[in-house]
Amino acid sequence: MVAGRNMLMISDYFEHVPSSRSISLALTYDNESEAREAYDKLGEGGEHKYPFVFQPWGAYYGEVIDKFGVTWMITKPLTIQVQKN
């Protein structure tokens, strides 16, 4: 299972796409290991477009194009814990 209980979001693509697919699918995970697993599984037989690494904006992010030509954007946002006094 790739998405599990995660929200699936869809975004169109503004650059020219050489095939009929012009959308990217985004998956956001609360758990870094689950996000990495999805990134690796979706990339099997496809292309790792951007490595899944910690980004300057404070989240883990990577993109893969799966074996069917679909682009997947995988994110694990930074979790900030707020202490209540």
Protein backbone atom coordinates (compact mmCIF):
# COMPACT_ATOMS: atom_id res chain seq x y z
CA MET A 1 0.00 0.00 0.00
CA VAL A 2 1.46 3.35 -0.99
CA ALA A 3 -0.97 5.90 0.40
CA GLY A 4 -2.19 4.12 3.52
CA ARG A 5 -4.49 6.49 5.36
CA ASN A 6 -2.85 9.55 3.82
CA MET A 7 -4.54 12.31 1.86
CA LEU A 8 -4.10 12.15 -1.91
CA MET A 9 -3.83 15.58 -3.58
CA ILE A 10 -3.64 16.31 -7.30
CA SER A 11 -1.98 19.23 -9.12
CA ASP A 12 -1.65 20.06 -12.80
CA TYR A 13 1.75 20.57 -14.42
CA PHE A 14 2.75 23.84 -16.10
CA GLU A 15 5.70 22.61 -18.20
CA HIS A 16 5.31 20.80 -21.52
CA VAL A 17 4.94 17.07 -21.00
CA PRO A 18 5.98 14.80 -23.88
CA SER A 19 3.14 12.36 -23.18
CA SER A 20 -0.54 12.75 -22.42
CA ARG A 21 0.04 12.83 -18.65
CA SER A 22 0.21 16.39 -17.39
CA ILE A 23 -0.56 15.97 -13.69
CA SER A 24 1.48 15.19 -10.61
CA LEU A 25 0.17 13.31 -7.59
CA ALA A 26 1.24 14.41 -4.11
CA LEU A 27 1.40 12.23 -1.00
CA THR A 28 2.11 13.68 2.45
CA TYR A 29 3.21 11.44 5.31
CA ASP A 30 3.49 12.00 9.07
CA ASN A 31 6.23 9.38 9.28
CA GLU A 32 9.58 9.76 7.49
CA SER A 33 10.17 6.01 7.08
CA GLU A 34 6.74 5.53 5.46
CA ALA A 35 7.45 8.44 3.11
CA ARG A 36 10.83 6.95 2.13
CA GLU A 37 9.23 3.56 1.56
CA ALA A 38 6.60 5.08 -0.75
CA TYR A 39 9.30 7.04 -2.61
CA ASP A 40 11.35 3.87 -3.13
CA LYS A 41 8.39 1.69 -4.16
CA LEU A 42 6.98 4.24 -6.60
CA GLY A 43 10.42 4.71 -8.14
CA GLU A 44 10.92 0.99 -8.85
CA GLY A 45 11.15 0.63 -12.62
CA GLY A 46 10.79 4.39 -13.03
CA GLU A 47 12.93 7.48 -12.55
CA HIS A 48 14.04 9.29 -9.40
CA LYS A 49 13.52 12.91 -10.48
CA TYR A 50 14.48 14.60 -7.16
CA PRO A 51 16.02 12.66 -4.25
CA PHE A 52 13.99 12.36 -1.06
CA VAL A 53 16.03 14.63 1.23
CA PHE A 54 15.55 17.37 3.82
CA GLN A 55 14.78 20.63 2.00
CA PRO A 56 15.62 24.26 2.93
CA TRP A 57 11.94 24.99 3.66
CA GLY A 58 11.96 22.47 6.51
CA ALA A 59 10.38 19.33 5.06
CA TYR A 60 11.54 16.10 3.47
CA TYR A 61 10.60 16.09 -0.21
CA GLY A 62 11.31 14.03 -3.31
CA GLU A 63 9.81 13.32 -6.73
CA VAL A 64 9.68 10.12 -8.72
CA ILE A 65 8.20 9.20 -12.06
CA ASP A 66 6.73 5.72 -11.77
CA LYS A 67 6.98 3.00 -14.41
CA PHE A 68 3.72 4.25 -15.95
CA GLY A 69 5.00 7.83 -16.39
CA VAL A 70 3.07 9.35 -13.47
CA THR A 71 4.95 11.92 -11.37
CA TRP A 72 4.66 11.49 -7.59
CA MET A 73 5.61 14.24 -5.13
CA ILE A 74 6.36 12.74 -1.70
CA THR A 75 6.49 15.01 1.37
CA LYS A 76 7.09 14.57 5.08
CA PRO A 77 6.53 18.01 6.68
CA LEU A 78 8.50 19.25 9.65
CA THR A 79 6.63 18.53 12.86
CA ILE A 80 6.74 21.29 15.44
CA GLN A 81 5.70 20.47 18.97
CA VAL A 82 4.23 23.38 20.93
CA GLN A 83 4.47 23.23 24.71
CA LYS A 84 1.51 24.50 26.68
CA ASN A 85 2.28 26.27 29.95
